[in-house]
All heavy atoms as atom14 arrays in JSON, in Angstrom:
{
  "sequence": "AASADGSRTADLDVRVSGQPAGMTGDMHLSPVPGGTTHLVRGDVRVT",
  "atom14_mask": [
    [1, 1, 1, 1, 1, 0, 0, 0, 0, 0, 0, 0, 0, 0],
    [1, 1, 1, 1, 1, 0, 0, 0, 0, 0, 0, 0, 0, 0],
    [1, 1, 1, 1, 1, 1, 0, 0, 0, 0, 0, 0, 0, 0],
    [1, 1, 1, 1, 1, 0, 0, 0, 0, 0, 0, 0, 0, 0],
    [1, 1, 1, 1, 1, 1, 1, 1, 0, 0, 0, 0, 0, 0],
    [1, 1, 1, 1, 0, 0, 0, 0, 0, 0, 0, 0, 0, 0],
    [1, 1, 1, 1, 1, 1, 0, 0, 0, 0, 0, 0, 0, 0],
    [1, 1, 1, 1, 1, 1, 1, 1, 1, 1, 1, 0, 0, 0],
    [1, 1, 1, 1, 1, 1, 1, 0, 0, 0, 0, 0, 0, 0],
    [1, 1, 1, 1, 1, 0, 0, 0, 0, 0, 0, 0, 0, 0],
    [1, 1, 1, 1, 1, 1, 1, 1, 0, 0, 0, 0, 0, 0],
    [1, 1, 1, 1, 1, 1, 1, 1, 0, 0, 0, 0, 0, 0],
    [1, 1, 1, 1, 1, 1, 1, 1, 0, 0, 0, 0, 0, 0],
    [1, 1, 1, 1, 1, 1, 1, 0, 0, 0, 0, 0, 0, 0],
    [1, 1, 1, 1, 1, 1, 1, 1, 1, 1, 1, 0, 0, 0],
    [1, 1, 1, 1, 1, 1, 1, 0, 0, 0, 0, 0, 0, 0],
    [1, 1, 1, 1, 1, 1, 0, 0, 0, 0, 0, 0, 0, 0],
    [1, 1, 1, 1, 0, 0, 0, 0, 0, 0, 0, 0, 0, 0],
    [1, 1, 1, 1, 1, 1, 1, 1, 1, 0, 0, 0, 0, 0],
    [1, 1, 1, 1, 1, 1, 1, 0, 0, 0, 0, 0, 0, 0],
    [1, 1, 1, 1, 1, 0, 0, 0, 0, 0, 0, 0, 0, 0],
    [1, 1, 1, 1, 0, 0, 0, 0, 0, 0, 0, 0, 0, 0],
    [1, 1, 1, 1, 1, 1, 1, 1, 0, 0, 0, 0, 0, 0],
    [1, 1, 1, 1, 1, 1, 1, 0, 0, 0, 0, 0, 0, 0],
    [1, 1, 1, 1, 0, 0, 0, 0, 0, 0, 0, 0, 0, 0],
    [1, 1, 1, 1, 1, 1, 1, 1, 0, 0, 0, 0, 0, 0],
    [1, 1, 1, 1, 1, 1, 1, 1, 0, 0, 0, 0, 0, 0],
    [1, 1, 1, 1, 1, 1, 1, 1, 1, 1, 0, 0, 0, 0],
    [1, 1, 1, 1, 1, 1, 1, 1, 0, 0, 0, 0, 0, 0],
    [1, 1, 1, 1, 1, 1, 0, 0, 0, 0, 0, 0, 0, 0],
    [1, 1, 1, 1, 1, 1, 1, 0, 0, 0, 0, 0, 0, 0],
    [1, 1, 1, 1, 1, 1, 1, 0, 0, 0, 0, 0, 0, 0],
    [1, 1, 1, 1, 1, 1, 1, 0, 0, 0, 0, 0, 0, 0],
    [1, 1, 1, 1, 0, 0, 0, 0, 0, 0, 0, 0, 0, 0],
    [1, 1, 1, 1, 0, 0, 0, 0, 0, 0, 0, 0, 0, 0],
    [1, 1, 1, 1, 1, 1, 1, 0, 0, 0, 0, 0, 0, 0],
    [1, 1, 1, 1, 1, 1, 1, 0, 0, 0, 0, 0, 0, 0],
    [1, 1, 1, 1, 1, 1, 1, 1, 1, 1, 0, 0, 0, 0],
    [1, 1, 1, 1, 1, 1, 1, 1, 0, 0, 0, 0, 0, 0],
    [1, 1, 1, 1, 1, 1, 1, 0, 0, 0, 0, 0, 0, 0],
    [1, 1, 1, 1, 1, 1, 1, 1, 1, 1, 1, 0, 0, 0],
    [1, 1, 1, 1, 0, 0, 0, 0, 0, 0, 0, 0, 0, 0],
    [1, 1, 1, 1, 1, 1, 1, 1, 0, 0, 0, 0, 0, 0],
    [1, 1, 1, 1, 1, 1, 1, 0, 0, 0, 0, 0, 0, 0],
    [1, 1, 1, 1, 1, 1, 1, 1, 1, 1, 1, 0, 0, 0],
    [1, 1, 1, 1, 1, 1, 1, 0, 0, 0, 0, 0, 0, 0],
    [1, 1, 1, 1, 1, 1, 1, 0, 0, 0, 0, 0, 0, 0]
  ],
  "atom14_positions": [
    [[0.84, 16.8, 50.29], [1.9, 15.83, 50.0], [2.81, 16.34, 48.89], [2.4, 17.16, 48.06], [1.28, 14.49, 49.61], [0.0, 0.0, 0.0], [0.0, 0.0, 0.0], [0.0, 0.0, 0.0], [0.0, 0.0, 0.0], [0.0, 0.0, 0.0], [0.0, 0.0, 0.0], [0.0, 0.0, 0.0], [0.0, 0.0, 0.0], [0.0, 0.0, 0.0]],
    [[4.02, 15.83, 48.88], [4.99, 16.21, 47.85], [4.63, 15.56, 46.52], [4.14, 14.43, 46.47], [6.38, 15.77, 48.27], [0.0, 0.0, 0.0], [0.0, 0.0, 0.0], [0.0, 0.0, 0.0], [0.0, 0.0, 0.0], [0.0, 0.0, 0.0], [0.0, 0.0, 0.0], [0.0, 0.0, 0.0], [0.0, 0.0, 0.0], [0.0, 0.0, 0.0]],
    [[4.89, 16.29, 45.45], [4.78, 15.74, 44.09], [6.05, 14.93, 43.81], [7.0, 14.98, 44.59], [4.65, 16.87, 43.07], [3.47, 17.59, 43.3], [0.0, 0.0, 0.0], [0.0, 0.0, 0.0], [0.0, 0.0, 0.0], [0.0, 0.0, 0.0], [0.0, 0.0, 0.0], [0.0, 0.0, 0.0], [0.0, 0.0, 0.0], [0.0, 0.0, 0.0]],
    [[6.08, 14.25, 42.69], [7.23, 13.41, 42.32], [8.53, 14.21, 42.29], [9.59, 13.69, 42.64], [6.98, 12.74, 40.97], [0.0, 0.0, 0.0], [0.0, 0.0, 0.0], [0.0, 0.0, 0.0], [0.0, 0.0, 0.0], [0.0, 0.0, 0.0], [0.0, 0.0, 0.0], [0.0, 0.0, 0.0], [0.0, 0.0, 0.0], [0.0, 0.0, 0.0]],
    [[8.47, 15.49, 41.9], [9.69, 16.31, 41.82], [10.02, 17.0, 43.15], [10.96, 17.79, 43.22], [9.58, 17.35, 40.71], [8.48, 18.38, 40.95], [7.74, 18.29, 41.96], [8.36, 19.29, 40.1], [0.0, 0.0, 0.0], [0.0, 0.0, 0.0], [0.0, 0.0, 0.0], [0.0, 0.0, 0.0], [0.0, 0.0, 0.0], [0.0, 0.0, 0.0]],
    [[9.25, 16.71, 44.21], [9.51, 17.31, 45.51], [8.75, 18.6, 45.76], [8.79, 19.14, 46.87], [0.0, 0.0, 0.0], [0.0, 0.0, 0.0], [0.0, 0.0, 0.0], [0.0, 0.0, 0.0], [0.0, 0.0, 0.0], [0.0, 0.0, 0.0], [0.0, 0.0, 0.0], [0.0, 0.0, 0.0], [0.0, 0.0, 0.0], [0.0, 0.0, 0.0]],
    [[8.06, 19.11, 44.76], [7.31, 20.36, 44.95], [6.13, 20.11, 45.9], [5.64, 19.0, 46.03], [6.83, 20.92, 43.62], [5.96, 20.02, 42.98], [0.0, 0.0, 0.0], [0.0, 0.0, 0.0], [0.0, 0.0, 0.0], [0.0, 0.0, 0.0], [0.0, 0.0, 0.0], [0.0, 0.0, 0.0], [0.0, 0.0, 0.0], [0.0, 0.0, 0.0]],
    [[5.72, 21.17, 46.57], [4.6, 21.11, 47.51], [3.83, 22.41, 47.46], [4.37, 23.45, 47.11], [5.08, 20.95, 48.96], [5.62, 19.6, 49.29], [5.95, 19.55, 50.78], [6.58, 18.3, 51.1], [5.97, 17.26, 51.66], [4.7, 17.33, 51.97], [6.62, 16.16, 51.92], [0.0, 0.0, 0.0], [0.0, 0.0, 0.0], [0.0, 0.0, 0.0]],
    [[2.57, 22.33, 47.89], [1.71, 23.51, 47.97], [1.04, 23.54, 49.34], [0.71, 22.49, 49.89], [0.63, 23.46, 46.87], [1.29, 23.42, 45.6], [-0.26, 24.68, 46.91], [0.0, 0.0, 0.0], [0.0, 0.0, 0.0], [0.0, 0.0, 0.0], [0.0, 0.0, 0.0], [0.0, 0.0, 0.0], [0.0, 0.0, 0.0], [0.0, 0.0, 0.0]],
    [[0.84, 24.74, 49.85], [0.14, 24.92, 51.12], [-0.9, 26.01, 50.97], [-0.71, 26.99, 50.26], [1.12, 25.32, 52.22], [0.0, 0.0, 0.0], [0.0, 0.0, 0.0], [0.0, 0.0, 0.0], [0.0, 0.0, 0.0], [0.0, 0.0, 0.0], [0.0, 0.0, 0.0], [0.0, 0.0, 0.0], [0.0, 0.0, 0.0], [0.0, 0.0, 0.0]],
    [[-2.03, 25.83, 51.66], [-2.98, 26.92, 51.85], [-2.45, 27.75, 53.0], [-1.93, 27.21, 53.98], [-4.37, 26.39, 52.19], [-5.02, 25.69, 51.01], [-4.75, 26.08, 49.85], [-5.81, 24.75, 51.24], [0.0, 0.0, 0.0], [0.0, 0.0, 0.0], [0.0, 0.0, 0.0], [0.0, 0.0, 0.0], [0.0, 0.0, 0.0], [0.0, 0.0, 0.0]],
    [[-2.6, 29.06, 52.9], [-2.06, 29.99, 53.89], [-3.18, 30.86, 54.42], [-3.97, 31.41, 53.65], [-0.98, 30.86, 53.24], [-0.37, 31.98, 54.08], [0.38, 31.42, 55.28], [0.55, 32.83, 53.21], [0.0, 0.0, 0.0], [0.0, 0.0, 0.0], [0.0, 0.0, 0.0], [0.0, 0.0, 0.0], [0.0, 0.0, 0.0], [0.0, 0.0, 0.0]],
    [[-3.23, 30.99, 55.74], [-4.22, 31.86, 56.39], [-3.51, 32.61, 57.51], [-2.93, 31.98, 58.41], [-5.38, 31.03, 56.95], [-6.48, 31.9, 57.5], [-6.96, 32.79, 56.78], [-6.85, 31.71, 58.68], [0.0, 0.0, 0.0], [0.0, 0.0, 0.0], [0.0, 0.0, 0.0], [0.0, 0.0, 0.0], [0.0, 0.0, 0.0], [0.0, 0.0, 0.0]],
    [[-3.52, 33.94, 57.44], [-2.88, 34.78, 58.45], [-3.97, 35.69, 59.02], [-4.65, 36.38, 58.27], [-1.74, 35.63, 57.85], [-1.06, 36.47, 58.93], [-0.73, 34.74, 57.13], [0.0, 0.0, 0.0], [0.0, 0.0, 0.0], [0.0, 0.0, 0.0], [0.0, 0.0, 0.0], [0.0, 0.0, 0.0], [0.0, 0.0, 0.0], [0.0, 0.0, 0.0]],
    [[-4.12, 35.67, 60.34], [-5.14, 36.48, 61.0], [-4.51, 37.35, 62.09], [-3.62, 36.9, 62.8], [-6.21, 35.6, 61.66], [-6.99, 34.76, 60.7], [-8.03, 35.59, 59.96], [-8.53, 34.82, 58.85], [-8.67, 35.29, 57.63], [-8.37, 36.51, 57.36], [-9.14, 34.53, 56.67], [0.0, 0.0, 0.0], [0.0, 0.0, 0.0], [0.0, 0.0, 0.0]],
    [[-5.02, 38.56, 62.2], [-4.63, 39.45, 63.28], [-5.75, 39.37, 64.32], [-6.88, 39.79, 64.04], [-4.43, 40.9, 62.79], [-4.0, 41.79, 63.95], [-3.42, 40.94, 61.65], [0.0, 0.0, 0.0], [0.0, 0.0, 0.0], [0.0, 0.0, 0.0], [0.0, 0.0, 0.0], [0.0, 0.0, 0.0], [0.0, 0.0, 0.0], [0.0, 0.0, 0.0]],
    [[-5.45, 38.78, 65.47], [-6.46, 38.53, 66.5], [-7.17, 39.81, 66.93], [-6.53, 40.83, 67.18], [-5.84, 37.87, 67.73], [-5.32, 36.62, 67.4], [0.0, 0.0, 0.0], [0.0, 0.0, 0.0], [0.0, 0.0, 0.0], [0.0, 0.0, 0.0], [0.0, 0.0, 0.0], [0.0, 0.0, 0.0], [0.0, 0.0, 0.0], [0.0, 0.0, 0.0]],
    [[-8.5, 39.72, 66.99], [-9.3, 40.84, 67.44], [-9.38, 42.0, 66.47], [-9.91, 43.05, 66.8], [0.0, 0.0, 0.0], [0.0, 0.0, 0.0], [0.0, 0.0, 0.0], [0.0, 0.0, 0.0], [0.0, 0.0, 0.0], [0.0, 0.0, 0.0], [0.0, 0.0, 0.0], [0.0, 0.0, 0.0], [0.0, 0.0, 0.0], [0.0, 0.0, 0.0]],
    [[-8.86, 41.82, 65.26], [-8.86, 42.89, 64.28], [-9.45, 42.38, 62.97], [-9.32, 41.2, 62.65], [-7.43, 43.39, 64.02], [-6.72, 43.9, 65.25], [-7.44, 45.05, 65.92], [-7.97, 45.94, 65.25], [-7.48, 45.04, 67.24], [0.0, 0.0, 0.0], [0.0, 0.0, 0.0], [0.0, 0.0, 0.0], [0.0, 0.0, 0.0], [0.0, 0.0, 0.0]],
    [[-10.07, 43.26, 62.21], [-10.63, 42.86, 60.91], [-9.55, 42.89, 59.82], [-9.67, 43.6, 58.83], [-11.71, 43.91, 60.67], [-11.16, 45.14, 61.33], [-10.41, 44.64, 62.54], [0.0, 0.0, 0.0], [0.0, 0.0, 0.0], [0.0, 0.0, 0.0], [0.0, 0.0, 0.0], [0.0, 0.0, 0.0], [0.0, 0.0, 0.0], [0.0, 0.0, 0.0]],
    [[-8.47, 42.13, 60.06], [-7.33, 42.18, 59.14], [-6.7, 40.8, 59.02], [-6.71, 40.02, 59.97], [-6.3, 43.18, 59.65], [0.0, 0.0, 0.0], [0.0, 0.0, 0.0], [0.0, 0.0, 0.0], [0.0, 0.0, 0.0], [0.0, 0.0, 0.0], [0.0, 0.0, 0.0], [0.0, 0.0, 0.0], [0.0, 0.0, 0.0], [0.0, 0.0, 0.0]],
    [[-6.14, 40.54, 57.84], [-5.44, 39.28, 57.64], [-5.07, 39.08, 56.19], [-5.19, 40.0, 55.36], [0.0, 0.0, 0.0], [0.0, 0.0, 0.0], [0.0, 0.0, 0.0], [0.0, 0.0, 0.0], [0.0, 0.0, 0.0], [0.0, 0.0, 0.0], [0.0, 0.0, 0.0], [0.0, 0.0, 0.0], [0.0, 0.0, 0.0], [0.0, 0.0, 0.0]],
    [[-4.64, 37.85, 55.9], [-4.26, 37.51, 54.54], [-4.6, 36.03, 54.31], [-4.37, 35.2, 55.17], [-2.76, 37.72, 54.33], [-2.29, 37.37, 52.93], [-0.54, 37.75, 52.63], [0.27, 36.46, 53.55], [0.0, 0.0, 0.0], [0.0, 0.0, 0.0], [0.0, 0.0, 0.0], [0.0, 0.0, 0.0], [0.0, 0.0, 0.0], [0.0, 0.0, 0.0]],
    [[-5.16, 35.75, 53.14], [-5.37, 34.36, 52.73], [-4.66, 34.18, 51.4], [-4.6, 35.1, 50.58], [-6.86, 34.02, 52.57], [-7.46, 34.95, 51.66], [-7.59, 34.06, 53.9], [0.0, 0.0, 0.0], [0.0, 0.0, 0.0], [0.0, 0.0, 0.0], [0.0, 0.0, 0.0], [0.0, 0.0, 0.0], [0.0, 0.0, 0.0], [0.0, 0.0, 0.0]],
    [[-4.1, 33.0, 51.23], [-3.38, 32.76, 49.99], [-2.82, 31.36, 49.94], [-3.4, 30.42, 50.48], [0.0, 0.0, 0.0], [0.0, 0.0, 0.0], [0.0, 0.0, 0.0], [0.0, 0.0, 0.0], [0.0, 0.0, 0.0], [0.0, 0.0, 0.0], [0.0, 0.0, 0.0], [0.0, 0.0, 0.0], [0.0, 0.0, 0.0], [0.0, 0.0, 0.0]],
    [[-1.64, 31.25, 49.31], [-1.01, 29.94, 49.19], [0.5, 30.1, 49.15], [1.03, 31.2, 49.0], [-1.52, 29.19, 47.96], [-1.47, 30.02, 46.69], [-0.49, 30.76, 46.48], [-2.43, 29.94, 45.9], [0.0, 0.0, 0.0], [0.0, 0.0, 0.0], [0.0, 0.0, 0.0], [0.0, 0.0, 0.0], [0.0, 0.0, 0.0], [0.0, 0.0, 0.0]],
    [[1.16, 28.95, 49.32], [2.61, 28.89, 49.27], [2.99, 27.71, 48.37], [2.28, 26.71, 48.34], [3.18, 28.68, 50.67], [2.78, 29.78, 51.64], [3.16, 29.37, 53.35], [4.87, 29.82, 53.4], [0.0, 0.0, 0.0], [0.0, 0.0, 0.0], [0.0, 0.0, 0.0], [0.0, 0.0, 0.0], [0.0, 0.0, 0.0], [0.0, 0.0, 0.0]],
    [[4.1, 27.87, 47.65], [4.55, 26.82, 46.74], [6.05, 26.64, 46.89], [6.8, 27.62, 46.83], [4.24, 27.19, 45.29], [2.8, 27.39, 45.01], [1.96, 26.36, 44.66], [2.03, 28.5, 45.08], [0.74, 26.84, 44.51], [0.75, 28.14, 44.76], [0.0, 0.0, 0.0], [0.0, 0.0, 0.0], [0.0, 0.0, 0.0], [0.0, 0.0, 0.0]],
    [[6.48, 25.4, 47.08], [7.89, 25.04, 47.01], [8.1, 24.37, 45.66], [7.39, 23.41, 45.34], [8.27, 24.05, 48.11], [8.28, 24.55, 49.54], [8.69, 23.42, 50.49], [9.21, 25.74, 49.7], [0.0, 0.0, 0.0], [0.0, 0.0, 0.0], [0.0, 0.0, 0.0], [0.0, 0.0, 0.0], [0.0, 0.0, 0.0], [0.0, 0.0, 0.0]],
    [[9.06, 24.86, 44.88], [9.3, 24.31, 43.55], [10.8, 24.14, 43.32], [11.58, 25.04, 43.63], [8.76, 25.24, 42.47], [7.38, 25.47, 42.66], [0.0, 0.0, 0.0], [0.0, 0.0, 0.0], [0.0, 0.0, 0.0], [0.0, 0.0, 0.0], [0.0, 0.0, 0.0], [0.0, 0.0, 0.0], [0.0, 0.0, 0.0], [0.0, 0.0, 0.0]],
    [[11.19, 22.99, 42.74], [12.6, 22.82, 42.42], [12.99, 23.71, 41.25], [12.21, 23.92, 40.33], [12.7, 21.34, 42.05], [11.33, 20.95, 41.59], [10.38, 21.83, 42.35], [0.0, 0.0, 0.0], [0.0, 0.0, 0.0], [0.0, 0.0, 0.0], [0.0, 0.0, 0.0], [0.0, 0.0, 0.0], [0.0, 0.0, 0.0], [0.0, 0.0, 0.0]],
    [[14.18, 24.27, 41.33], [14.78, 25.04, 40.24], [16.24, 24.59, 40.17], [16.75, 24.0, 41.12], [14.69, 26.57, 40.48], [13.25, 27.04, 40.46], [15.36, 26.97, 41.78], [0.0, 0.0, 0.0], [0.0, 0.0, 0.0], [0.0, 0.0, 0.0], [0.0, 0.0, 0.0], [0.0, 0.0, 0.0], [0.0, 0.0, 0.0], [0.0, 0.0, 0.0]],
    [[16.93, 24.82, 39.05], [18.33, 24.43, 38.98], [19.12, 25.01, 40.16], [19.08, 26.21, 40.41], [18.81, 25.02, 37.65], [17.56, 25.08, 36.81], [16.46, 25.42, 37.79], [0.0, 0.0, 0.0], [0.0, 0.0, 0.0], [0.0, 0.0, 0.0], [0.0, 0.0, 0.0], [0.0, 0.0, 0.0], [0.0, 0.0, 0.0], [0.0, 0.0, 0.0]],
    [[19.74, 24.14, 40.92], [20.55, 24.58, 42.07], [19.79, 24.81, 43.35], [20.38, 25.25, 44.33], [0.0, 0.0, 0.0], [0.0, 0.0, 0.0], [0.0, 0.0, 0.0], [0.0, 0.0, 0.0], [0.0, 0.0, 0.0], [0.0, 0.0, 0.0], [0.0, 0.0, 0.0], [0.0, 0.0, 0.0], [0.0, 0.0, 0.0], [0.0, 0.0, 0.0]],
    [[18.48, 24.55, 43.37], [17.79, 24.78, 44.63], [16.28, 24.75, 44.55], [15.69, 23.95, 43.82], [0.0, 0.0, 0.0], [0.0, 0.0, 0.0], [0.0, 0.0, 0.0], [0.0, 0.0, 0.0], [0.0, 0.0, 0.0], [0.0, 0.0, 0.0], [0.0, 0.0, 0.0], [0.0, 0.0, 0.0], [0.0, 0.0, 0.0], [0.0, 0.0, 0.0]],
    [[15.68, 25.67, 45.3], [14.23, 25.69, 45.48], [13.74, 27.13, 45.51], [14.4, 27.99, 46.09], [13.84, 25.02, 46.81], [14.32, 23.68, 46.81], [12.34, 25.02, 47.06], [0.0, 0.0, 0.0], [0.0, 0.0, 0.0], [0.0, 0.0, 0.0], [0.0, 0.0, 0.0], [0.0, 0.0, 0.0], [0.0, 0.0, 0.0], [0.0, 0.0, 0.0]],
    [[12.58, 27.38, 44.91], [11.9, 28.65, 45.13], [10.74, 28.4, 46.09], [10.12, 27.33, 46.07], [11.34, 29.29, 43.83], [10.4, 28.41, 43.25], [12.45, 29.63, 42.87], [0.0, 0.0, 0.0], [0.0, 0.0, 0.0], [0.0, 0.0, 0.0], [0.0, 0.0, 0.0], [0.0, 0.0, 0.0], [0.0, 0.0, 0.0], [0.0, 0.0, 0.0]],
    [[10.5, 29.38, 46.92], [9.39, 29.35, 47.88], [8.55, 30.59, 47.59], [8.93, 31.7, 47.95], [9.96, 29.38, 49.31], [8.92, 29.33, 50.37], [9.25, 29.51, 51.69], [7.58, 29.13, 50.35], [8.15, 29.41, 52.43], [7.13, 29.2, 51.63], [0.0, 0.0, 0.0], [0.0, 0.0, 0.0], [0.0, 0.0, 0.0], [0.0, 0.0, 0.0]],
    [[7.45, 30.38, 46.9], [6.56, 31.47, 46.5], [5.46, 31.63, 47.55], [4.82, 30.65, 47.93], [5.93, 31.16, 45.14], [4.84, 32.12, 44.65], [5.43, 33.5, 44.35], [4.17, 31.54, 43.41], [0.0, 0.0, 0.0], [0.0, 0.0, 0.0], [0.0, 0.0, 0.0], [0.0, 0.0, 0.0], [0.0, 0.0, 0.0], [0.0, 0.0, 0.0]],
    [[5.27, 32.85, 48.03], [4.2, 33.18, 48.98], [3.3, 34.19, 48.3], [3.76, 35.27, 47.9], [4.77, 33.77, 50.29], [3.65, 34.1, 51.26], [5.79, 32.83, 50.92], [0.0, 0.0, 0.0], [0.0, 0.0, 0.0], [0.0, 0.0, 0.0], [0.0, 0.0, 0.0], [0.0, 0.0, 0.0], [0.0, 0.0, 0.0], [0.0, 0.0, 0.0]],
    [[2.02, 33.83, 48.13], [1.04, 34.73, 47.51], [-0.16, 34.86, 48.44], [-0.58, 33.88, 49.06], [0.54, 34.16, 46.19], [1.49, 34.17, 45.08], [0.82, 33.77, 43.81], [0.19, 32.45, 43.95], [0.05, 31.59, 42.97], [0.45, 31.89, 41.77], [-0.52, 30.43, 43.17], [0.0, 0.0, 0.0], [0.0, 0.0, 0.0], [0.0, 0.0, 0.0]],
    [[-0.71, 36.07, 48.48], [-1.9, 36.24, 49.29], [-2.64, 37.52, 49.0], [-2.12, 38.42, 48.33], [0.0, 0.0, 0.0], [0.0, 0.0, 0.0], [0.0, 0.0, 0.0], [0.0, 0.0, 0.0], [0.0, 0.0, 0.0], [0.0, 0.0, 0.0], [0.0, 0.0, 0.0], [0.0, 0.0, 0.0], [0.0, 0.0, 0.0], [0.0, 0.0, 0.0]],
    [[-3.86, 37.57, 49.5], [-4.69, 38.76, 49.43], [-4.78, 39.34, 50.83], [-5.28, 38.69, 51.75], [-6.1, 38.42, 48.93], [-6.1, 37.99, 47.48], [-5.27, 38.52, 46.71], [-6.92, 37.13, 47.12], [0.0, 0.0, 0.0], [0.0, 0.0, 0.0], [0.0, 0.0, 0.0], [0.0, 0.0, 0.0], [0.0, 0.0, 0.0], [0.0, 0.0, 0.0]],
    [[-4.26, 40.56, 50.99], [-4.27, 41.26, 52.28], [-5.57, 42.05, 52.37], [-5.9, 42.8, 51.45], [-3.05, 42.19, 52.41], [-3.1, 42.96, 53.72], [-1.76, 41.4, 52.27], [0.0, 0.0, 0.0], [0.0, 0.0, 0.0], [0.0, 0.0, 0.0], [0.0, 0.0, 0.0], [0.0, 0.0, 0.0], [0.0, 0.0, 0.0], [0.0, 0.0, 0.0]],
    [[-6.28, 41.85, 53.47], [-7.55, 42.56, 53.65], [-7.6, 43.22, 55.03], [-7.27, 42.61, 56.03], [-8.73, 41.58, 53.57], [-9.08, 41.15, 52.19], [-10.42, 40.41, 52.17], [-10.84, 40.15, 50.82], [-10.45, 39.1, 50.11], [-9.66, 38.21, 50.63], [-10.89, 38.94, 48.88], [0.0, 0.0, 0.0], [0.0, 0.0, 0.0], [0.0, 0.0, 0.0]],
    [[-8.05, 44.47, 55.02], [-8.38, 45.18, 56.25], [-9.79, 45.71, 56.03], [-10.0, 46.61, 55.22], [-7.4, 46.33, 56.55], [-7.81, 47.07, 57.82], [-5.97, 45.79, 56.68], [0.0, 0.0, 0.0], [0.0, 0.0, 0.0], [0.0, 0.0, 0.0], [0.0, 0.0, 0.0], [0.0, 0.0, 0.0], [0.0, 0.0, 0.0], [0.0, 0.0, 0.0]],
    [[-10.75, 45.13, 56.72], [-12.17, 45.44, 56.44], [-12.72, 46.5, 57.38], [-13.71, 46.3, 58.06], [-13.02, 44.16, 56.52], [-12.85, 43.57, 57.8], [-12.64, 43.17, 55.44], [0.0, 0.0, 0.0], [0.0, 0.0, 0.0], [0.0, 0.0, 0.0], [0.0, 0.0, 0.0], [0.0, 0.0, 0.0], [0.0, 0.0, 0.0], [0.0, 0.0, 0.0]]
  ]
}
């Protein structure tokens, strides 16, 4: 859900089907003067 200032957070999971590879992390929408930042962070793994 959105916070009072409109910011939001998401859990992120990216998988490559049939492969031992992917990324887990999070995403953040945050208000900034004049707009929004969309931060994408994750740990990339190839096992």
